[in-house]
PDB file of N, CA and C in Angstrom:
ATOM      1  N   SER A   1     -50.695 -16.261 -36.889  1.00  0.00           N
ATOM      2  CA  SER A   1     -49.386 -16.850 -37.149  1.00  0.00           C
ATOM      3  C   SER A   1     -48.376 -15.769 -37.540  1.00  0.00           C
ATOM      4  N   GLY A   2     -48.798 -14.784 -38.342  1.00  0.00           N
ATOM      5  CA  GLY A   2     -47.914 -13.667 -38.693  1.00  0.00           C
ATOM      6  C   GLY A   2     -47.540 -12.846 -37.474  1.00  0.00           C
ATOM      7  N   GLN A   3     -48.503 -12.632 -36.586  1.00  0.00           N
ATOM      8  CA  GLN A   3     -48.261 -11.884 -35.350  1.00  0.00           C
ATOM      9  C   GLN A   3     -47.306 -12.645 -34.441  1.00  0.00           C
ATOM     10  N   LEU A   4     -47.419 -13.981 -34.409  1.00  0.00           N
ATOM     11  CA  LEU A   4     -46.522 -14.793 -33.577  1.00  0.00           C
ATOM     12  C   LEU A   4     -45.080 -14.673 -34.044  1.00  0.00           C
ATOM     13  N   LYS A   5     -44.858 -14.633 -35.364  1.00  0.00           N
ATOM     14  CA  LYS A   5     -43.509 -14.470 -35.907  1.00  0.00           C
ATOM     15  C   LYS A   5     -42.939 -13.113 -35.515  1.00  0.00           C
ATOM     16  N   VAL A   6     -43.744 -12.068 -35.611  1.00  0.00           N
ATOM     17  CA  VAL A   6     -43.300 -10.725 -35.242  1.00  0.00           C
ATOM     18  C   VAL A   6     -42.960 -10.677 -33.755  1.00  0.00           C
ATOM     19  N   THR A   7     -43.795 -11.271 -32.931  1.00  0.00           N
ATOM     20  CA  THR A   7     -43.555 -11.305 -31.494  1.00  0.00           C
ATOM     21  C   THR A   7     -42.275 -12.069 -31.171  1.00  0.00           C
ATOM     22  N   ALA A   8     -42.057 -13.196 -31.838  1.00  0.00           N
ATOM     23  CA  ALA A   8     -40.838 -13.989 -31.611  1.00  0.00           C
ATOM     24  C   ALA A   8     -39.605 -13.200 -32.033  1.00  0.00           C
ATOM     25  N   LYS A   9     -39.656 -12.531 -33.178  1.00  0.00           N
ATOM     26  CA  LYS A   9     -38.522 -11.714 -33.648  1.00  0.00           C
ATOM     27  C   LYS A   9     -38.259 -10.560 -32.687  1.00  0.00           C
ATOM     28  N   GLN A  10     -39.307  -9.922 -32.189  1.00  0.00           N
ATOM     29  CA  GLN A  10     -39.165  -8.822 -31.234  1.00  0.00           C
ATOM     30  C   GLN A  10     -38.502  -9.314 -29.950  1.00  0.00           C
ATOM     31  N   ARG A  11     -38.895 -10.494 -29.491  1.00  0.00           N
ATOM     32  CA  ARG A  11     -38.302 -11.077 -28.280  1.00  0.00           C
ATOM     33  C   ARG A  11     -36.813 -11.374 -28.501  1.00  0.00           C
ATOM     34  N   GLN A  12     -36.482 -11.900 -29.680  1.00  0.00           N
ATOM     35  CA  GLN A  12     -35.083 -12.178 -30.001  1.00  0.00           C
ATOM     36  C   GLN A  12     -34.263 -10.882 -30.020  1.00  0.00           C
ATOM     37  N   LEU A  13     -34.811  -9.833 -30.632  1.00  0.00           N
ATOM     38  CA  LEU A  13     -34.121  -8.549 -30.684  1.00  0.00           C
ATOM     39  C   LEU A  13     -33.899  -7.995 -29.285  1.00  0.00           C
ATOM     40  N   GLU A  14     -34.904  -8.082 -28.442  1.00  0.00           N
ATOM     41  CA  GLU A  14     -34.766  -7.598 -27.067  1.00  0.00           C
ATOM     42  C   GLU A  14     -33.665  -8.362 -26.326  1.00  0.00           C
ATOM     43  N   GLU A  15     -33.587  -9.678 -26.544  1.00  0.00           N
ATOM     44  CA  GLU A  15     -32.529 -10.474 -25.914  1.00  0.00           C
ATOM     45  C   GLU A  15     -31.150 -10.066 -26.436  1.00  0.00           C
ATOM     46  N   CYS A  16     -31.048  -9.807 -27.739  1.00  0.00           N
ATOM     47  CA  CYS A  16     -29.772  -9.412 -28.345  1.00  0.00           C
ATOM     48  C   CYS A  16     -29.292  -8.046 -27.851  1.00  0.00           C
ATOM     49  N   LEU A  17     -30.214  -7.202 -27.455  1.00  0.00           N
ATOM     50  CA  LEU A  17     -29.855  -5.848 -27.021  1.00  0.00           C
ATOM     51  C   LEU A  17     -29.642  -5.742 -25.515  1.00  0.00           C
ATOM     52  N   GLN A  18     -29.641  -6.877 -24.813  1.00  0.00           N
ATOM     53  CA  GLN A  18     -29.343  -6.865 -23.379  1.00  0.00           C
ATOM     54  C   GLN A  18     -27.897  -6.425 -23.177  1.00  0.00           C
ATOM     55  N   PRO A  19     -27.612  -5.674 -22.128  1.00  0.00           N
ATOM     56  CA  PRO A  19     -26.235  -5.231 -21.875  1.00  0.00           C
ATOM     57  C   PRO A  19     -25.291  -6.425 -21.696  1.00  0.00           C
ATOM     58  N   ALA A  20     -24.051  -6.223 -22.122  1.00  0.00           N
ATOM     59  CA  ALA A  20     -23.007  -7.240 -21.972  1.00  0.00           C
ATOM     60  C   ALA A  20     -21.767  -6.574 -21.385  1.00  0.00           C
ATOM     61  N   GLU A  21     -20.947  -7.372 -20.725  1.00  0.00           N
ATOM     62  CA  GLU A  21     -19.725  -6.866 -20.092  1.00  0.00           C
ATOM     63  C   GLU A  21     -18.540  -6.995 -21.045  1.00  0.00           C
ATOM     64  N   LEU A  22     -17.685  -5.976 -21.055  1.00  0.00           N
ATOM     65  CA  LEU A  22     -16.418  -6.037 -21.771  1.00  0.00           C
ATOM     66  C   LEU A  22     -15.320  -6.413 -20.786  1.00  0.00           C
ATOM     67  N   SER A  23     -14.272  -7.048 -21.277  1.00  0.00           N
ATOM     68  CA  SER A  23     -13.147  -7.437 -20.424  1.00  0.00           C
ATOM     69  C   SER A  23     -12.217  -6.259 -20.210  1.00  0.00           C
ATOM     70  N   ASP A  24     -11.654  -6.188 -19.008  1.00  0.00           N
ATOM     71  CA  ASP A  24     -10.607  -5.212 -18.727  1.00  0.00           C
ATOM     72  C   ASP A  24      -9.295  -5.719 -19.303  1.00  0.00           C
ATOM     73  N   SER A  25      -8.409  -4.788 -19.658  1.00  0.00           N
ATOM     74  CA  SER A  25      -7.082  -5.145 -20.135  1.00  0.00           C
ATOM     75  C   SER A  25      -6.095  -4.123 -19.583  1.00  0.00           C
ATOM     76  N   PRO A  26      -5.733  -4.260 -18.301  1.00  0.00           N
ATOM     77  CA  PRO A  26      -4.860  -3.275 -17.663  1.00  0.00           C
ATOM     78  C   PRO A  26      -3.517  -3.095 -18.367  1.00  0.00           C
ATOM     79  N   ASP A  27      -2.998  -4.187 -18.975  1.00  0.00           N
ATOM     80  CA  ASP A  27      -1.701  -4.085 -19.643  1.00  0.00           C
ATOM     81  C   ASP A  27      -1.833  -3.733 -21.123  1.00  0.00           C
ATOM     82  N   GLY A  28      -3.065  -3.630 -21.632  1.00  0.00           N
ATOM     83  CA  GLY A  28      -3.290  -3.245 -23.013  1.00  0.00           C
ATOM     84  C   GLY A  28      -3.225  -4.380 -24.021  1.00  0.00           C
ATOM     85  N   TYR A  29      -2.979  -5.608 -23.575  1.00  0.00           N
ATOM     86  CA  TYR A  29      -2.902  -6.749 -24.484  1.00  0.00           C
ATOM     87  C   TYR A  29      -4.266  -7.417 -24.649  1.00  0.00           C
ATOM     88  N   LEU A  30      -4.510  -7.913 -25.859  1.00  0.00           N
ATOM     89  CA  LEU A  30      -5.685  -8.750 -26.092  1.00  0.00           C
ATOM     90  C   LEU A  30      -5.325 -10.170 -25.702  1.00  0.00           C
ATOM     91  N   ARG A  31      -6.218 -10.840 -24.975  1.00  0.00           N
ATOM     92  CA  ARG A  31      -5.971 -12.208 -24.524  1.00  0.00           C
ATOM     93  C   ARG A  31      -7.154 -13.094 -24.897  1.00  0.00           C
ATOM     94  N   TRP A  32      -6.846 -14.385 -25.089  1.00  0.00           N
ATOM     95  CA  TRP A  32      -7.899 -15.357 -25.379  1.00  0.00           C
ATOM     96  C   TRP A  32      -8.923 -15.367 -24.253  1.00  0.00           C
ATOM     97  N   GLY A  33     -10.180 -15.426 -24.625  1.00  0.00           N
ATOM     98  CA  GLY A  33     -11.259 -15.474 -23.645  1.00  0.00           C
ATOM     99  C   GLY A  33     -11.811 -14.106 -23.276  1.00  0.00           C
ATOM    100  N   GLN A  34     -11.156 -13.024 -23.732  1.00  0.00           N
ATOM    101  CA  GLN A  34     -11.673 -11.689 -23.416  1.00  0.00           C
ATOM    102  C   GLN A  34     -12.924 -11.385 -24.236  1.00  0.00           C
ATOM    103  N   SER A  35     -13.794 -10.588 -23.664  1.00  0.00           N
ATOM    104  CA  SER A  35     -14.989 -10.102 -24.347  1.00  0.00           C
ATOM    105  C   SER A  35     -14.689  -8.706 -24.871  1.00  0.00           C
ATOM    106  N   VAL A  36     -14.832  -8.524 -26.191  1.00  0.00           N
ATOM    107  CA  VAL A  36     -14.447  -7.269 -26.836  1.00  0.00           C
ATOM    108  C   VAL A  36     -15.516  -6.830 -27.829  1.00  0.00           C
ATOM    109  N   MET A  37     -15.419  -5.570 -28.223  1.00  0.00           N
ATOM    110  CA  MET A  37     -16.191  -5.039 -29.342  1.00  0.00           C
ATOM    111  C   MET A  37     -15.191  -4.696 -30.436  1.00  0.00           C
ATOM    112  N   MET A  38     -15.612  -4.829 -31.712  1.00  0.00           N
ATOM    113  CA  MET A  38     -14.728  -4.552 -32.841  1.00  0.00           C
ATOM    114  C   MET A  38     -15.347  -3.479 -33.725  1.00  0.00           C
ATOM    115  N   LEU A  39     -14.558  -2.444 -33.992  1.00  0.00           N
ATOM    116  CA  LEU A  39     -15.008  -1.316 -34.805  1.00  0.00           C
ATOM    117  C   LEU A  39     -14.426  -1.426 -36.210  1.00  0.00           C
ATOM    118  N   ASN A  40     -15.281  -1.301 -37.222  1.00  0.00           N
ATOM    119  CA  ASN A  40     -14.833  -1.242 -38.606  1.00  0.00           C
ATOM    120  C   ASN A  40     -14.727   0.237 -38.967  1.00  0.00           C
ATOM    121  N   HIS A  41     -13.499   0.712 -39.133  1.00  0.00           N
ATOM    122  CA  HIS A  41     -13.307   2.144 -39.399  1.00  0.00           C
ATOM    123  C   HIS A  41     -13.870   2.567 -40.750  1.00  0.00           C
ATOM    124  N   GLN A  42     -13.792   1.689 -41.746  1.00  0.00           N
ATOM    125  CA  GLN A  42     -14.308   2.040 -43.061  1.00  0.00           C
ATOM    126  C   GLN A  42     -15.833   2.176 -43.034  1.00  0.00           C
ATOM    127  N   ALA A  43     -16.510   1.227 -42.387  1.00  0.00           N
ATOM    128  CA  ALA A  43     -17.975   1.278 -42.295  1.00  0.00           C
ATOM    129  C   ALA A  43     -18.441   2.214 -41.183  1.00  0.00           C
ATOM    130  N   LYS A  44     -17.508   2.607 -40.314  1.00  0.00           N
ATOM    131  CA  LYS A  44     -17.829   3.456 -39.171  1.00  0.00           C
ATOM    132  C   LYS A  44     -18.921   2.829 -38.302  1.00  0.00           C
ATOM    133  N   GLY A  45     -18.762   1.526 -38.048  1.00  0.00           N
ATOM    134  CA  GLY A  45     -19.745   0.819 -37.248  1.00  0.00           C
ATOM    135  C   GLY A  45     -19.127  -0.323 -36.474  1.00  0.00           C
ATOM    136  N   TRP A  46     -19.844  -0.773 -35.453  1.00  0.00           N
ATOM    137  CA  TRP A  46     -19.423  -1.868 -34.591  1.00  0.00           C
ATOM    138  C   TRP A  46     -19.909  -3.184 -35.174  1.00  0.00           C
ATOM    139  N   LEU A  47     -19.012  -4.166 -35.247  1.00  0.00           N
ATOM    140  CA  LEU A  47     -19.382  -5.478 -35.746  1.00  0.00           C
ATOM    141  C   LEU A  47     -20.523  -6.025 -34.900  1.00  0.00           C
ATOM    142  N   SER A  48     -21.576  -6.514 -35.563  1.00  0.00           N
ATOM    143  CA  SER A  48     -22.782  -6.973 -34.872  1.00  0.00           C
ATOM    144  C   SER A  48     -23.314  -8.229 -35.549  1.00  0.00           C
ATOM    145  N   VAL A  49     -24.009  -9.034 -34.762  1.00  0.00           N
ATOM    146  CA  VAL A  49     -24.575 -10.269 -35.292  1.00  0.00           C
ATOM    147  C   VAL A  49     -25.876 -10.570 -34.551  1.00  0.00           C
ATOM    148  N   ASN A  50     -26.785 -11.223 -35.249  1.00  0.00           N
ATOM    149  CA  ASN A  50     -27.980 -11.745 -34.594  1.00  0.00           C
ATOM    150  C   ASN A  50     -27.721 -13.235 -34.370  1.00  0.00           C
ATOM    151  N   PRO A  51     -27.497 -13.673 -33.137  1.00  0.00           N
ATOM    152  CA  PRO A  51     -27.165 -15.083 -32.892  1.00  0.00           C
ATOM    153  C   PRO A  51     -28.308 -16.044 -33.222  1.00  0.00           C
ATOM    154  N   TYR A  52     -29.468 -15.528 -33.550  1.00  0.00           N
ATOM    155  CA  TYR A  52     -30.595 -16.378 -33.928  1.00  0.00           C
ATOM    156  C   TYR A  52     -30.644 -16.623 -35.439  1.00  0.00           C
ATOM    157  N   ASP A  53     -29.819 -15.888 -36.196  1.00  0.00           N
ATOM    158  CA  ASP A  53     -29.814 -16.034 -37.653  1.00  0.00           C
ATOM    159  C   ASP A  53     -28.587 -16.816 -38.105  1.00  0.00           C
ATOM    160  N   GLU A  54     -28.597 -18.121 -37.848  1.00  0.00           N
ATOM    161  CA  GLU A  54     -27.483 -18.980 -38.250  1.00  0.00           C
ATOM    162  C   GLU A  54     -27.590 -19.290 -39.737  1.00  0.00           C
ATOM    163  N   VAL A  55     -26.431 -19.385 -40.396  1.00  0.00           N
ATOM    164  CA  VAL A  55     -26.347 -19.668 -41.820  1.00  0.00           C
ATOM    165  C   VAL A  55     -25.832 -21.093 -41.993  1.00  0.00           C
ATOM    166  N   THR A  56     -26.364 -21.817 -42.962  1.00  0.00           N
ATOM    167  CA  THR A  56     -25.917 -23.177 -43.214  1.00  0.00           C
ATOM    168  C   THR A  56     -24.595 -23.143 -43.978  1.00  0.00           C
ATOM    169  N   LYS A  57     -23.535 -23.604 -43.319  1.00  0.00           N
ATOM    170  CA  LYS A  57     -22.190 -23.704 -43.905  1.00  0.00           C
ATOM    171  C   LYS A  57     -21.585 -25.007 -43.406  1.00  0.00           C
ATOM    172  N   THR A  58     -20.312 -25.257 -43.729  1.00  0.00           N
ATOM    173  CA  THR A  58     -19.659 -26.470 -43.255  1.00  0.00           C
ATOM    174  C   THR A  58     -19.373 -26.411 -41.766  1.00  0.00           C
ATOM    175  N   SER A  59     -19.364 -25.208 -41.189  1.00  0.00           N
ATOM    176  CA  SER A  59     -19.225 -25.042 -39.742  1.00  0.00           C
ATOM    177  C   SER A  59     -20.200 -23.953 -39.304  1.00  0.00           C
ATOM    178  N   GLU A  60     -20.317 -23.752 -37.998  1.00  0.00           N
ATOM    179  CA  GLU A  60     -21.245 -22.755 -37.470  1.00  0.00           C
ATOM    180  C   GLU A  60     -20.919 -21.371 -38.048  1.00  0.00           C
ATOM    181  N   ALA A  61     -21.916 -20.686 -38.598  1.00  0.00           N
ATOM    182  CA  ALA A  61     -21.703 -19.383 -39.219  1.00  0.00           C
ATOM    183  C   ALA A  61     -22.932 -18.508 -39.024  1.00  0.00           C
ATOM    184  N   PHE A  62     -22.699 -17.189 -39.017  1.00  0.00           N
ATOM    185  CA  PHE A  62     -23.769 -16.212 -38.823  1.00  0.00           C
ATOM    186  C   PHE A  62     -23.559 -15.037 -39.763  1.00  0.00           C
ATOM    187  N   ILE A  63     -24.647 -14.383 -40.135  1.00  0.00           N
ATOM    188  CA  ILE A  63     -24.565 -13.162 -40.930  1.00  0.00           C
ATOM    189  C   ILE A  63     -24.148 -12.023 -40.009  1.00  0.00           C
ATOM    190  N   MET A  64     -23.160 -11.260 -40.452  1.00  0.00           N
ATOM    191  CA  MET A  64     -22.669 -10.149 -39.642  1.00  0.00           C
ATOM    192  C   MET A  64     -22.907  -8.847 -40.375  1.00  0.00           C
ATOM    193  N   THR A  65     -22.997  -7.785 -39.595  1.00  0.00           N
ATOM    194  CA  THR A  65     -23.176  -6.449 -40.135  1.00  0.00           C
ATOM    195  C   THR A  65     -22.474  -5.486 -39.193  1.00  0.00           C
ATOM    196  N   THR A  66     -22.599  -4.209 -39.442  1.00  0.00           N
ATOM    197  CA  THR A  66     -22.099  -3.211 -38.502  1.00  0.00           C
ATOM    198  C   THR A  66     -23.257  -2.349 -38.031  1.00  0.00           C
ATOM    199  N   SER A  67     -23.058  -1.735 -36.872  1.00  0.00           N
ATOM    200  CA  SER A  67     -24.095  -0.910 -36.277  1.00  0.00           C
ATOM    201  C   SER A  67     -23.437   0.306 -35.627  1.00  0.00           C
ATOM    202  N   ALA A  68     -24.170   1.387 -35.561  1.00  0.00           N
ATOM    203  CA  ALA A  68     -23.673   2.586 -34.878  1.00  0.00           C
ATOM    204  C   ALA A  68     -23.793   2.463 -33.359  1.00  0.00           C
ATOM    205  N   MET A  69     -24.491   1.426 -32.883  1.00  0.00           N
ATOM    206  CA  MET A  69     -24.698   1.251 -31.445  1.00  0.00           C
ATOM    207  C   MET A  69     -23.373   0.935 -30.765  1.00  0.00           C
ATOM    208  N   SER A  70     -22.908   1.843 -29.912  1.00  0.00           N
ATOM    209  CA  SER A  70     -21.609   1.670 -29.259  1.00  0.00           C
ATOM    210  C   SER A  70     -21.722   1.152 -27.820  1.00  0.00           C
ATOM    211  N   ASN A  71     -22.940   0.940 -27.347  1.00  0.00           N
ATOM    212  CA  ASN A  71     -23.113   0.335 -26.021  1.00  0.00           C
ATOM    213  C   ASN A  71     -22.879  -1.167 -26.152  1.00  0.00           C
ATOM    214  N   PRO A  72     -22.098  -1.771 -25.235  1.00  0.00           N
ATOM    215  CA  PRO A  72     -21.867  -3.213 -25.327  1.00  0.00           C
ATOM    216  C   PRO A  72     -23.147  -4.007 -25.042  1.00  0.00           C
ATOM    217  N   THR A  73     -23.535  -4.814 -26.021  1.00  0.00           N
ATOM    218  CA  THR A  73     -24.727  -5.653 -25.899  1.00  0.00           C
ATOM    219  C   THR A  73     -24.378  -7.073 -26.329  1.00  0.00           C
ATOM    220  N   VAL A  74     -25.309  -7.980 -26.102  1.00  0.00           N
ATOM    221  CA  VAL A  74     -25.124  -9.371 -26.525  1.00  0.00           C
ATOM    222  C   VAL A  74     -24.842  -9.428 -28.020  1.00  0.00           C
ATOM    223  N   ARG A  75     -25.410  -8.522 -28.770  1.00  0.00           N
ATOM    224  CA  ARG A  75     -25.298  -8.512 -30.230  1.00  0.00           C
ATOM    225  C   ARG A  75     -23.931  -8.072 -30.739  1.00  0.00           C
ATOM    226  N   ASN A  76     -23.207  -7.244 -29.978  1.00  0.00           N
ATOM    227  CA  ASN A  76     -21.959  -6.693 -30.520  1.00  0.00           C
ATOM    228  C   ASN A  76     -20.725  -6.922 -29.632  1.00  0.00           C
ATOM    229  N   VAL A  77     -20.823  -7.838 -28.671  1.00  0.00           N
ATOM    230  CA  VAL A  77     -19.669  -8.210 -27.847  1.00  0.00           C
ATOM    231  C   VAL A  77     -19.291  -9.641 -28.215  1.00  0.00           C
ATOM    232  N   PHE A  78     -18.009  -9.844 -28.507  1.00  0.00           N
ATOM    233  CA  PHE A  78     -17.515 -11.143 -28.955  1.00  0.00           C
ATOM    234  C   PHE A  78     -16.436 -11.644 -28.010  1.00  0.00           C
ATOM    235  N   ILE A  79     -16.421 -12.959 -27.789  1.00  0.00           N
ATOM    236  CA  ILE A  79     -15.392 -13.585 -26.966  1.00  0.00           C
ATOM    237  C   ILE A  79     -14.311 -14.105 -27.901  1.00  0.00           C
ATOM    238  N   LEU A  80     -13.066 -13.700 -27.655  1.00  0.00           N
ATOM    239  CA  LEU A  80     -11.948 -14.107 -28.496  1.00  0.00           C
ATOM    240  C   LEU A  80     -11.599 -15.567 -28.209  1.00  0.00           C
ATOM    241  N   ASP A  81     -11.772 -16.412 -29.211  1.00  0.00           N
ATOM    242  CA  ASP A  81     -11.598 -17.858 -29.068  1.00  0.00           C
ATOM    243  C   ASP A  81     -10.440 -18.314 -29.959  1.00  0.00           C
ATOM    244  N   ARG A  82      -9.513 -19.043 -29.378  1.00  0.00           N
ATOM    245  CA  ARG A  82      -8.332 -19.520 -30.092  1.00  0.00           C
ATOM    246  C   ARG A  82      -8.703 -20.722 -30.962  1.00  0.00           C
ATOM    247  N   VAL A  83      -8.298 -20.688 -32.233  1.00  0.00           N
ATOM    248  CA  VAL A  83      -8.604 -21.771 -33.163  1.00  0.00           C
ATOM    249  C   VAL A  83      -7.665 -22.952 -32.955  1.00  0.00           C
ATOM    250  N   ASP A  84      -6.359 -22.666 -32.786  1.00  0.00           N
ATOM    251  CA  ASP A  84      -5.349 -23.723 -32.732  1.00  0.00           C
ATOM    252  C   ASP A  84      -4.462 -23.547 -31.509  1.00  0.00           C
ATOM    253  N   ASP A  85      -4.565 -24.464 -30.554  1.00  0.00           N
ATOM    254  CA  ASP A  85      -3.718 -24.396 -29.354  1.00  0.00           C
ATOM    255  C   ASP A  85      -2.250 -24.666 -29.664  1.00  0.00           C
ATOM    256  N   GLN A  86      -1.964 -25.259 -30.812  1.00  0.00           N
ATOM    257  CA  GLN A  86      -0.587 -25.571 -31.221  1.00  0.00           C
ATOM    258  C   GLN A  86      -0.126 -24.595 -32.309  1.00  0.00           C
ATOM    259  N   ASP A  87      -0.378 -23.303 -32.115  1.00  0.00           N
ATOM    260  CA  ASP A  87      -0.068 -22.294 -33.134  1.00  0.00           C
ATOM    261  C   ASP A  87       1.307 -21.652 -32.964  1.00  0.00           C
ATOM    262  N   GLY A  88       2.114 -22.201 -32.052  1.00  0.00           N
ATOM    263  CA  GLY A  88       3.479 -21.700 -31.887  1.00  0.00           C
ATOM    264  C   GLY A  88       3.658 -20.715 -30.756  1.00  0.00           C
ATOM    265  N   TYR A  89       2.588 -20.396 -30.040  1.00  0.00           N
ATOM    266  CA  TYR A  89       2.678 -19.460 -28.912  1.00  0.00           C
ATOM    267  C   TYR A  89       2.207 -20.158 -27.637  1.00  0.00           C
ATOM    268  N   ASP A  90       2.978 -19.974 -26.567  1.00  0.00           N
ATOM    269  CA  ASP A  90       2.661 -20.644 -25.312  1.00  0.00           C
ATOM    270  C   ASP A  90       1.850 -19.785 -24.348  1.00  0.00           C
ATOM    271  N   ASP A  91       1.702 -18.492 -24.639  1.00  0.00           N
ATOM    272  CA  ASP A  91       0.998 -17.614 -23.706  1.00  0.00           C
ATOM    273  C   ASP A  91      -0.439 -17.383 -24.153  1.00  0.00           C
ATOM    274  N   ASP A  92      -1.168 -16.605 -23.361  1.00  0.00           N
ATOM    275  CA  ASP A  92      -2.570 -16.337 -23.691  1.00  0.00           C
ATOM    276  C   ASP A  92      -2.764 -14.987 -24.382  1.00  0.00           C
ATOM    277  N   VAL A  93      -1.651 -14.321 -24.742  1.00  0.00           N
ATOM    278  CA  VAL A  93      -1.710 -13.059 -25.474  1.00  0.00           C
ATOM    279  C   VAL A  93      -1.965 -13.372 -26.947  1.00  0.00           C
ATOM    280  N   ILE A  94      -2.811 -12.598 -27.595  1.00  0.00           N
ATOM    281  CA  ILE A  94      -3.082 -12.798 -29.018  1.00  0.00           C
ATOM    282  C   ILE A  94      -1.973 -12.129 -29.826  1.00  0.00           C
ATOM    283  N   HIS A  95      -1.386 -12.904 -30.742  1.00  0.00           N
ATOM    284  CA  HIS A  95      -0.286 -12.437 -31.584  1.00  0.00           C
ATOM    285  C   HIS A  95      -0.772 -12.286 -33.027  1.00  0.00           C
ATOM    286  N   TYR A  96      -0.151 -11.363 -33.751  1.00  0.00           N
ATOM    287  CA  TYR A  96      -0.484 -11.149 -35.155  1.00  0.00           C
ATOM    288  C   TYR A  96      -0.326 -12.467 -35.917  1.00  0.00           C
ATOM    289  N   GLY A  97      -1.331 -12.822 -36.691  1.00  0.00           N
ATOM    290  CA  GLY A  97      -1.292 -14.027 -37.496  1.00  0.00           C
ATOM    291  C   GLY A  97      -2.005 -15.211 -36.864  1.00  0.00           C
ATOM    292  N   GLN A  98      -2.289 -15.159 -35.565  1.00  0.00           N
ATOM    293  CA  GLN A  98      -3.045 -16.238 -34.946  1.00  0.00           C
ATOM    294  C   GLN A  98      -4.497 -16.196 -35.413  1.00  0.00           C
ATOM    295  N   LEU A  99      -5.075 -17.380 -35.590  1.00  0.00           N
ATOM    296  CA  LEU A  99      -6.464 -17.462 -36.027  1.00  0.00           C
ATOM    297  C   LEU A  99      -7.399 -17.279 -34.840  1.00  0.00           C
ATOM    298  N   VAL A 100      -8.427 -16.471 -35.057  1.00  0.00           N
ATOM    299  CA  VAL A 100      -9.421 -16.172 -34.025  1.00  0.00           C
ATOM    300  C   VAL A 100     -10.768 -16.705 -34.505  1.00  0.00           C
ATOM    301  N   ARG A 101     -11.492 -17.323 -33.597  1.00  0.00           N
ATOM    302  CA  ARG A 101     -12.838 -17.805 -33.936  1.00  0.00           C
ATOM    303  C   ARG A 101     -13.839 -16.968 -33.196  1.00  0.00           C
TER     304      ARG A 101
END
């Protein structure tokens, strides 16, 4: 049973480290739906999450950390999701102050 847990965790880690695609941004703007990586300059690491380690909260939540791994993987590529479609902006460009999920 202990070996099965280790094997399951290893399989999850391997899935999380699969390569992922980043979105192109020819005009330099961030847009809703783009796949991006986020760097924390203070921690000197890329925001990372294990999607198998969900935390019990009032809404879906995960424990996040940073990693030195700069290759885009399932673990460190995030899709920019708009929280409120009625936030005062009609375009798909992300503006300062808009909520991101």
